[in-house]
Amino acid sequence: MYFFTINKTYIYRGFKCIIPFLLVFTLSNIFASPQFPEQEIIDDTSDWIELDSRNSTSGGDRYTDIVSIDYFSDGKFFNSTIWLLFPFKESPNRQYVDYGMYIDSDFDPTTGFGGIDYKIEIQWNNSTQQWNKVIESWSPYGKTKVLYNATNYKNFYTAHENYVTISFDLDQLLNPKKYKILFYAETKKEEEQPYLVDFTRWVAIPPPQLIVSTSPNSIDLIPGQKKTIEVRVNSSAGYEPTVNLFTQNRSNEIISSFLEYNRLRIPSYGMATIPLTIATSPDSTPGPYTLFIFANTTFPSEELIKPRVSNMDYKSSIPTENIITQSTMLITIKEPLSFLDQLSNFWAKSGGFLSFFYGIIIGITPFIYKKLKK
């Protein structure tokens, strides 16, 4: 009895220790942002934009020319590397040099300023000859609130290397479940001169998905026959991409075409369908064939509005995600039906009705015969 009492005590104490741990673990997963492995996007070179004129230019500083971005997250921190065409300059002879990112933390263009809820930026202070790191929250009217400010910031580059790194704690952004980021690098030589900015495209986190399927997933045809199937497109909810569909097969035996159009705009709930007609030529060779269905997805470009100290708004169309995916469908061409097969199919389809009609005739024949005899 004493032994049992001791065990109960230990079990009770063990539960008291485990329950808080389980609670913290559960809450940390509920409120954490999505985890994802390293991703990469490529950016064109010599593609700066002059903000005052809003024109493209190739005259920017090469150490702000973005070549690519690598980024990943463990759900707690977001980490990125901005790869540059030329080595990073520790002491640039410029009034302003900035490396940063704009963040839409909720996929809602009505929150923040033009949809931008946060800005994270590493800034060159030409007066103090130091780099600073700033995290800001943006209001719908362009007002900013500083959430984090580190002066004389140094832990973001390696001397003479072609990259800078930017990371941040997702707690500072209230751990968004879905967000978008636009990377940029910019310079301004003198106060009266314009900013020259190199923007990347928007990237969505977690990366959006697109799935193409058919209903049914396989069909049987005979030479000269035609059938219409349904192509179903599913995307991550909330993105509303435009999808261009096309088909391809390695044989002339199969002819496929979308009935009205091959362009779909997926609604916010993430699913749309389109009919596809598949036909075989009259002299088709029997056998199995594979039809490839491709989807080229372009998520809508977004208008970026960027306030400046000169009170000038910058507005430009920035591309978002582009995904290409595919699906396959098995098409089996069978031998043409013989006369007996056609007769058998006809009877299988109409035999029940004919039998029913035949039964009625047999049933009323004696009645008709008696009437005629009278």
Foldseek 3Di string as FASTA:
>chain_A
DVVVVVVVVVVVVVCVVVVVVVVVVVVCVVQFADWDDKDKDAADFQFWAFQVVRDTGSPDDQLFTFGMKIWTDPRFKTKMKTFTPFFHDLQDLAQKKKWWKFKQQALDCQFFDSSTFKIWMWMQHNVVSAIKIWIWGGGNVGDIDTPDIGIRDDPFHDPRHRITMDMDTCVSVSNGHKMKMKIKIWGHHDPPGTIIMGIAFIAIPPHKDKDKAWVVQEEEAAAFDKDKTKIKMFIQAQQFKKKAKDKDWDDPQKDKDFDPHRIDGAHRRGMDMGMMMIHGHNPHDFDKTKMKMKIKIFGAWGWDWDADPVRDTGTDTGGYDIDMDMDMGMYGYDYDDDPVRVVVVVCVVCVVVVVVVVVVCVVCVVVVVVVVVD
